[in-house]
């Protein structure tokens, strides 16, 4: 049982890293040179899915980590 939880934690953590890296911040160094988009915009499509997916993966990672902690004792 511990092996399954450990493997699933690793898979979820890799997917979480990928989903966070895919998100586009849009600021970077562009704000330094005047290319900053300071207006409010609504996330749509894939960007909205990616944020929801990242939140779900982070929640699942926390649950798996706590579950792994309780099973280790």
PDB file of N, CA and C in Angstrom:
ATOM      1  N   UNK A   1       0.827  -1.196   0.000  1.00  0.00           N
ATOM      2  CA  UNK A   1       0.000   0.000   0.000  1.00  0.00           C
ATOM      3  C   UNK A   1       0.874   1.264   0.000  1.00  0.00           C
ATOM      4  N   UNK A   2       1.971   1.223   0.763  1.00  0.00           N
ATOM      5  CA  UNK A   2       2.858   2.379   0.809  1.00  0.00           C
ATOM      6  C   UNK A   2       3.507   2.646  -0.545  1.00  0.00           C
ATOM      7  N   UNK A   3       3.789   1.561  -1.289  1.00  0.00           N
ATOM      8  CA  UNK A   3       4.397   1.733  -2.607  1.00  0.00           C
ATOM      9  C   UNK A   3       3.455   2.456  -3.568  1.00  0.00           C
ATOM     10  N   UNK A   4       2.186   2.105  -3.516  1.00  0.00           N
ATOM     11  CA  UNK A   4       1.200   2.726  -4.401  1.00  0.00           C
ATOM     12  C   UNK A   4       1.061   4.213  -4.082  1.00  0.00           C
ATOM     13  N   UNK A   5       1.024   4.531  -2.794  1.00  0.00           N
ATOM     14  CA  UNK A   5       0.906   5.942  -2.392  1.00  0.00           C
ATOM     15  C   UNK A   5       2.163   6.716  -2.772  1.00  0.00           C
ATOM     16  N   UNK A   6       3.325   6.103  -2.596  1.00  0.00           N
ATOM     17  CA  UNK A   6       4.576   6.788  -2.942  1.00  0.00           C
ATOM     18  C   UNK A   6       4.669   7.042  -4.442  1.00  0.00           C
ATOM     19  N   UNK A   7       4.308   6.069  -5.247  1.00  0.00           N
ATOM     20  CA  UNK A   7       4.353   6.238  -6.704  1.00  0.00           C
ATOM     21  C   UNK A   7       3.335   7.274  -7.156  1.00  0.00           C
ATOM     22  N   UNK A   8       2.132   7.222  -6.571  1.00  0.00           N
ATOM     23  CA  UNK A   8       1.115   8.204  -6.966  1.00  0.00           C
ATOM     24  C   UNK A   8       1.504   9.612  -6.523  1.00  0.00           C
ATOM     25  N   UNK A   9       2.195   9.750  -5.391  1.00  0.00           N
ATOM     26  CA  UNK A   9       2.669  11.064  -4.956  1.00  0.00           C
ATOM     27  C   UNK A   9       3.706  11.611  -5.922  1.00  0.00           C
ATOM     28  N   UNK A  10       4.593  10.743  -6.400  1.00  0.00           N
ATOM     29  CA  UNK A  10       5.605  11.173  -7.363  1.00  0.00           C
ATOM     30  C   UNK A  10       4.962  11.597  -8.673  1.00  0.00           C
ATOM     31  N   UNK A  11       3.989  10.821  -9.151  1.00  0.00           N
ATOM     32  CA  UNK A  11       3.306  11.150 -10.407  1.00  0.00           C
ATOM     33  C   UNK A  11       2.546  12.470 -10.273  1.00  0.00           C
ATOM     34  N   UNK A  12       1.844  12.654  -9.164  1.00  0.00           N
ATOM     35  CA  UNK A  12       1.090  13.890  -8.954  1.00  0.00           C
ATOM     36  C   UNK A  12       2.038  15.081  -8.846  1.00  0.00           C
ATOM     37  N   UNK A  13       3.179  14.899  -8.184  1.00  0.00           N
ATOM     38  CA  UNK A  13       4.117  16.011  -8.059  1.00  0.00           C
ATOM     39  C   UNK A  13       4.720  16.398  -9.404  1.00  0.00           C
ATOM     40  N   UNK A  14       5.014  15.427 -10.250  1.00  0.00           N
ATOM     41  CA  UNK A  14       5.536  15.728 -11.588  1.00  0.00           C
ATOM     42  C   UNK A  14       4.479  16.454 -12.423  1.00  0.00           C
ATOM     43  N   UNK A  15       3.236  15.995 -12.360  1.00  0.00           N
ATOM     44  CA  UNK A  15       2.162  16.669 -13.091  1.00  0.00           C
ATOM     45  C   UNK A  15       1.926  18.082 -12.563  1.00  0.00           C
ATOM     46  N   UNK A  16       2.074  18.260 -11.254  1.00  0.00           N
ATOM     47  CA  UNK A  16       1.908  19.590 -10.664  1.00  0.00           C
ATOM     48  C   UNK A  16       3.012  20.537 -11.125  1.00  0.00           C
ATOM     49  N   UNK A  17       4.229  20.057 -11.179  1.00  0.00           N
ATOM     50  CA  UNK A  17       5.333  20.878 -11.665  1.00  0.00           C
ATOM     51  C   UNK A  17       5.110  21.283 -13.112  1.00  0.00           C
ATOM     52  N   UNK A  18       4.678  20.337 -13.944  1.00  0.00           N
ATOM     53  CA  UNK A  18       4.432  20.629 -15.358  1.00  0.00           C
ATOM     54  C   UNK A  18       3.296  21.638 -15.513  1.00  0.00           C
ATOM     55  N   UNK A  19       2.226  21.457 -14.750  1.00  0.00           N
ATOM     56  CA  UNK A  19       1.090  22.379 -14.882  1.00  0.00           C
ATOM     57  C   UNK A  19       1.442  23.781 -14.411  1.00  0.00           C
ATOM     58  N   UNK A  20       2.306  23.907 -13.409  1.00  0.00           N
ATOM     59  CA  UNK A  20       2.720  25.232 -12.956  1.00  0.00           C
ATOM     60  C   UNK A  20       3.651  25.880 -13.979  1.00  0.00           C
ATOM     61  N   UNK A  21       4.533  25.092 -14.566  1.00  0.00           N
ATOM     62  CA  UNK A  21       5.449  25.651 -15.560  1.00  0.00           C
ATOM     63  C   UNK A  21       4.740  26.061 -16.851  1.00  0.00           C
ATOM     64  N   UNK A  22       3.612  25.447 -17.151  1.00  0.00           N
ATOM     65  CA  UNK A  22       2.871  25.797 -18.364  1.00  0.00           C
ATOM     66  C   UNK A  22       2.083  27.093 -18.224  1.00  0.00           C
ATOM     67  N   UNK A  23       1.862  27.543 -17.005  1.00  0.00           N
ATOM     68  CA  UNK A  23       1.090  28.757 -16.814  1.00  0.00           C
ATOM     69  C   UNK A  23       1.900  29.965 -17.255  1.00  0.00           C
ATOM     70  N   UNK A  24       1.234  30.870 -17.937  1.00  0.00           N
ATOM     71  CA  UNK A  24       1.887  32.057 -18.485  1.00  0.00           C
ATOM     72  C   UNK A  24       1.658  33.232 -17.556  1.00  0.00           C
ATOM     73  N   UNK A  25       2.727  33.756 -16.986  1.00  0.00           N
ATOM     74  CA  UNK A  25       2.597  34.912 -16.113  1.00  0.00           C
ATOM     75  C   UNK A  25       2.434  36.189 -16.909  1.00  0.00           C
ATOM     76  N   UNK A  26       3.134  36.320 -17.985  1.00  0.00           N
ATOM     77  CA  UNK A  26       2.979  37.473 -18.835  1.00  0.00           C
ATOM     78  C   UNK A  26       3.739  38.707 -18.394  1.00  0.00           C
ATOM     79  N   UNK A  27       4.396  38.672 -17.257  1.00  0.00           N
ATOM     80  CA  UNK A  27       5.089  39.885 -16.827  1.00  0.00           C
ATOM     81  C   UNK A  27       6.579  39.797 -17.138  1.00  0.00           C
ATOM     82  N   UNK A  28       7.313  38.975 -16.461  1.00  0.00           N
ATOM     83  CA  UNK A  28       8.737  38.832 -16.713  1.00  0.00           C
ATOM     84  C   UNK A  28       9.470  40.159 -16.664  1.00  0.00           C
ATOM     85  N   UNK A  29      10.313  40.426 -17.646  1.00  0.00           N
ATOM     86  CA  UNK A  29      11.041  41.693 -17.735  1.00  0.00           C
ATOM     87  C   UNK A  29      10.303  42.722 -18.582  1.00  0.00           C
ATOM     88  N   UNK A  30       9.123  42.370 -19.085  1.00  0.00           N
ATOM     89  CA  UNK A  30       8.417  43.310 -19.952  1.00  0.00           C
ATOM     90  C   UNK A  30       7.933  44.540 -19.180  1.00  0.00           C
ATOM     91  N   UNK A  31       7.699  44.410 -17.890  1.00  0.00           N
ATOM     92  CA  UNK A  31       7.291  45.558 -17.086  1.00  0.00           C
ATOM     93  C   UNK A  31       8.410  46.572 -16.928  1.00  0.00           C
ATOM     94  N   UNK A  32       9.639  46.128 -17.039  1.00  0.00           N
ATOM     95  CA  UNK A  32      10.787  47.020 -16.913  1.00  0.00           C
ATOM     96  C   UNK A  32      10.875  47.982 -18.082  1.00  0.00           C
ATOM     97  N   UNK A  33      10.546  47.500 -19.266  1.00  0.00           N
ATOM     98  CA  UNK A  33      10.696  48.299 -20.475  1.00  0.00           C
ATOM     99  C   UNK A  33       9.381  48.887 -20.970  1.00  0.00           C
ATOM    100  N   UNK A  34       8.345  48.870 -20.154  1.00  0.00           N
ATOM    101  CA  UNK A  34       7.100  49.527 -20.501  1.00  0.00           C
ATOM    102  C   UNK A  34       6.097  48.646 -21.222  1.00  0.00           C
ATOM    103  N   UNK A  35       6.315  47.383 -21.312  1.00  0.00           N
ATOM    104  CA  UNK A  35       5.375  46.503 -21.997  1.00  0.00           C
ATOM    105  C   UNK A  35       4.427  45.789 -21.065  1.00  0.00           C
ATOM    106  N   UNK A  36       4.207  46.339 -19.898  1.00  0.00           N
ATOM    107  CA  UNK A  36       3.367  45.704 -18.893  1.00  0.00           C
ATOM    108  C   UNK A  36       1.888  45.868 -19.236  1.00  0.00           C
ATOM    109  N   UNK A  37       1.151  44.756 -19.180  1.00  0.00           N
ATOM    110  CA  UNK A  37      -0.288  44.812 -19.379  1.00  0.00           C
ATOM    111  C   UNK A  37      -0.939  44.825 -18.009  1.00  0.00           C
ATOM    112  N   UNK A  38      -1.318  45.987 -17.535  1.00  0.00           N
ATOM    113  CA  UNK A  38      -1.815  46.095 -16.172  1.00  0.00           C
ATOM    114  C   UNK A  38      -3.334  45.994 -16.097  1.00  0.00           C
ATOM    115  N   UNK A  39      -4.003  45.740 -17.189  1.00  0.00           N
ATOM    116  CA  UNK A  39      -5.450  45.633 -17.186  1.00  0.00           C
ATOM    117  C   UNK A  39      -5.914  44.289 -16.675  1.00  0.00           C
ATOM    118  N   UNK A  40      -7.139  44.255 -16.221  1.00  0.00           N
ATOM    119  CA  UNK A  40      -7.730  43.024 -15.725  1.00  0.00           C
ATOM    120  C   UNK A  40      -8.333  42.260 -16.888  1.00  0.00           C
ATOM    121  N   UNK A  41      -8.094  40.977 -16.921  1.00  0.00           N
ATOM    122  CA  UNK A  41      -8.707  40.154 -17.954  1.00  0.00           C
ATOM    123  C   UNK A  41      -9.165  38.834 -17.352  1.00  0.00           C
ATOM    124  N   UNK A  42     -10.160  38.239 -17.982  1.00  0.00           N
ATOM    125  CA  UNK A  42     -10.723  36.988 -17.510  1.00  0.00           C
ATOM    126  C   UNK A  42     -10.009  35.825 -18.167  1.00  0.00           C
ATOM    127  N   UNK A  43      -9.676  34.843 -17.366  1.00  0.00           N
ATOM    128  CA  UNK A  43      -9.039  33.649 -17.922  1.00  0.00           C
ATOM    129  C   UNK A  43     -10.095  32.802 -18.612  1.00  0.00           C
ATOM    130  N   UNK A  44      -9.744  32.328 -19.792  1.00  0.00           N
ATOM    131  CA  UNK A  44     -10.679  31.516 -20.564  1.00  0.00           C
ATOM    132  C   UNK A  44      -9.960  30.331 -21.157  1.00  0.00           C
ATOM    133  N   UNK A  45     -10.726  29.315 -21.488  1.00  0.00           N
ATOM    134  CA  UNK A  45     -10.205  28.181 -22.225  1.00  0.00           C
ATOM    135  C   UNK A  45      -9.173  27.384 -21.458  1.00  0.00           C
ATOM    136  N   UNK A  46      -8.058  27.145 -22.125  1.00  0.00           N
ATOM    137  CA  UNK A  46      -7.019  26.288 -21.577  1.00  0.00           C
ATOM    138  C   UNK A  46      -6.376  26.890 -20.335  1.00  0.00           C
ATOM    139  N   UNK A  47      -6.269  28.212 -20.280  1.00  0.00           N
ATOM    140  CA  UNK A  47      -5.675  28.866 -19.121  1.00  0.00           C
ATOM    141  C   UNK A  47      -6.523  28.643 -17.865  1.00  0.00           C
ATOM    142  N   UNK A  48      -7.837  28.711 -18.011  1.00  0.00           N
ATOM    143  CA  UNK A  48      -8.733  28.468 -16.888  1.00  0.00           C
ATOM    144  C   UNK A  48      -8.670  27.003 -16.460  1.00  0.00           C
ATOM    145  N   UNK A  49      -8.615  26.091 -17.434  1.00  0.00           N
ATOM    146  CA  UNK A  49      -8.493  24.676 -17.126  1.00  0.00           C
ATOM    147  C   UNK A  49      -7.179  24.385 -16.409  1.00  0.00           C
ATOM    148  N   UNK A  50      -6.104  25.022 -16.855  1.00  0.00           N
ATOM    149  CA  UNK A  50      -4.791  24.785 -16.274  1.00  0.00           C
ATOM    150  C   UNK A  50      -4.729  25.243 -14.816  1.00  0.00           C
ATOM    151  N   UNK A  51      -5.362  26.346 -14.500  1.00  0.00           N
ATOM    152  CA  UNK A  51      -5.379  26.827 -13.115  1.00  0.00           C
ATOM    153  C   UNK A  51      -6.213  25.899 -12.239  1.00  0.00           C
ATOM    154  N   UNK A  52      -7.372  25.473 -12.738  1.00  0.00           N
ATOM    155  CA  UNK A  52      -8.207  24.544 -11.977  1.00  0.00           C
ATOM    156  C   UNK A  52      -7.507  23.205 -11.786  1.00  0.00           C
ATOM    157  N   UNK A  53      -6.809  22.750 -12.823  1.00  0.00           N
ATOM    158  CA  UNK A  53      -6.069  21.496 -12.759  1.00  0.00           C
ATOM    159  C   UNK A  53      -4.931  21.587 -11.752  1.00  0.00           C
ATOM    160  N   UNK A  54      -4.254  22.726 -11.700  1.00  0.00           N
ATOM    161  CA  UNK A  54      -3.163  22.924 -10.738  1.00  0.00           C
ATOM    162  C   UNK A  54      -3.688  22.940  -9.309  1.00  0.00           C
ATOM    163  N   UNK A  55      -4.824  23.556  -9.092  1.00  0.00           N
ATOM    164  CA  UNK A  55      -5.423  23.585  -7.757  1.00  0.00           C
ATOM    165  C   UNK A  55      -5.828  22.185  -7.319  1.00  0.00           C
ATOM    166  N   UNK A  56      -6.445  21.435  -8.231  1.00  0.00           N
ATOM    167  CA  UNK A  56      -6.847  20.068  -7.906  1.00  0.00           C
ATOM    168  C   UNK A  56      -5.637  19.177  -7.629  1.00  0.00           C
ATOM    169  N   UNK A  57      -4.581  19.331  -8.418  1.00  0.00           N
ATOM    170  CA  UNK A  57      -3.374  18.538  -8.200  1.00  0.00           C
ATOM    171  C   UNK A  57      -2.695  18.893  -6.884  1.00  0.00           C
ATOM    172  N   UNK A  58      -2.686  20.169  -6.524  1.00  0.00           N
ATOM    173  CA  UNK A  58      -2.069  20.556  -5.253  1.00  0.00           C
ATOM    174  C   UNK A  58      -2.862  20.005  -4.070  1.00  0.00           C
ATOM    175  N   UNK A  59      -4.187  20.026  -4.163  1.00  0.00           N
ATOM    176  CA  UNK A  59      -5.021  19.445  -3.116  1.00  0.00           C
ATOM    177  C   UNK A  59      -4.775  17.938  -3.008  1.00  0.00           C
ATOM    178  N   UNK A  60      -4.698  17.251  -4.155  1.00  0.00           N
ATOM    179  CA  UNK A  60      -4.438  15.814  -4.164  1.00  0.00           C
ATOM    180  C   UNK A  60      -3.054  15.502  -3.607  1.00  0.00           C
ATOM    181  N   UNK A  61      -2.065  16.337  -3.912  1.00  0.00           N
ATOM    182  CA  UNK A  61      -0.716  16.144  -3.392  1.00  0.00           C
ATOM    183  C   UNK A  61      -0.697  16.270  -1.870  1.00  0.00           C
ATOM    184  N   UNK A  62      -1.411  17.252  -1.340  1.00  0.00           N
ATOM    185  CA  UNK A  62      -1.468  17.436   0.112  1.00  0.00           C
ATOM    186  C   UNK A  62      -2.144  16.244   0.777  1.00  0.00           C
ATOM    187  N   UNK A  63      -3.248  15.778   0.198  1.00  0.00           N
ATOM    188  CA  UNK A  63      -3.964  14.634   0.758  1.00  0.00           C
ATOM    189  C   UNK A  63      -3.082  13.385   0.734  1.00  0.00           C
ATOM    190  N   UNK A  64      -2.403  13.147  -0.382  1.00  0.00           N
ATOM    191  CA  UNK A  64      -1.522  11.979  -0.466  1.00  0.00           C
ATOM    192  C   UNK A  64      -0.351  12.074   0.498  1.00  0.00           C
ATOM    193  N   UNK A  65       0.181  13.253   0.694  1.00  0.00           N
ATOM    194  CA  UNK A  65       1.296  13.428   1.628  1.00  0.00           C
ATOM    195  C   UNK A  65       0.861  13.174   3.066  1.00  0.00           C
ATOM    196  N   UNK A  66      -0.293  13.680   3.440  1.00  0.00           N
ATOM    197  CA  UNK A  66      -0.810  13.440   4.792  1.00  0.00           C
ATOM    198  C   UNK A  66      -1.126  11.967   4.988  1.00  0.00           C
ATOM    199  N   UNK A  67      -1.717  11.352   3.972  1.00  0.00           N
ATOM    200  CA  UNK A  67      -2.034   9.929   4.047  1.00  0.00           C
ATOM    201  C   UNK A  67      -0.759   9.101   4.191  1.00  0.00           C
ATOM    202  N   UNK A  68       0.276   9.462   3.462  1.00  0.00           N
ATOM    203  CA  UNK A  68       1.551   8.780   3.553  1.00  0.00           C
ATOM    204  C   UNK A  68       2.168   8.970   4.946  1.00  0.00           C
ATOM    205  N   UNK A  69       1.989  10.145   5.538  1.00  0.00           N
ATOM    206  CA  UNK A  69       2.509  10.414   6.865  1.00  0.00           C
ATOM    207  C   UNK A  69       1.835   9.526   7.916  1.00  0.00           C
ATOM    208  N   UNK A  70       0.527   9.373   7.805  1.00  0.00           N
ATOM    209  CA  UNK A  70      -0.200   8.542   8.772  1.00  0.00           C
ATOM    210  C   UNK A  70       0.128   7.059   8.602  1.00  0.00           C
ATOM    211  N   UNK A  71       0.343   6.613   7.376  1.00  0.00           N
ATOM    212  CA  UNK A  71       0.666   5.211   7.162  1.00  0.00           C
ATOM    213  C   UNK A  71       2.099   4.881   7.561  1.00  0.00           C
ATOM    214  N   UNK A  72       2.972   5.875   7.601  1.00  0.00           N
ATOM    215  CA  UNK A  72       4.363   5.635   7.968  1.00  0.00           C
ATOM    216  C   UNK A  72       4.504   5.367   9.468  1.00  0.00           C
ATOM    217  N   UNK A  73       3.569   5.849  10.254  1.00  0.00           N
ATOM    218  CA  UNK A  73       3.654   5.644  11.715  1.00  0.00           C
ATOM    219  C   UNK A  73       3.210   4.308  12.070  1.00  0.00           C
TER     220      UNK A  73
END
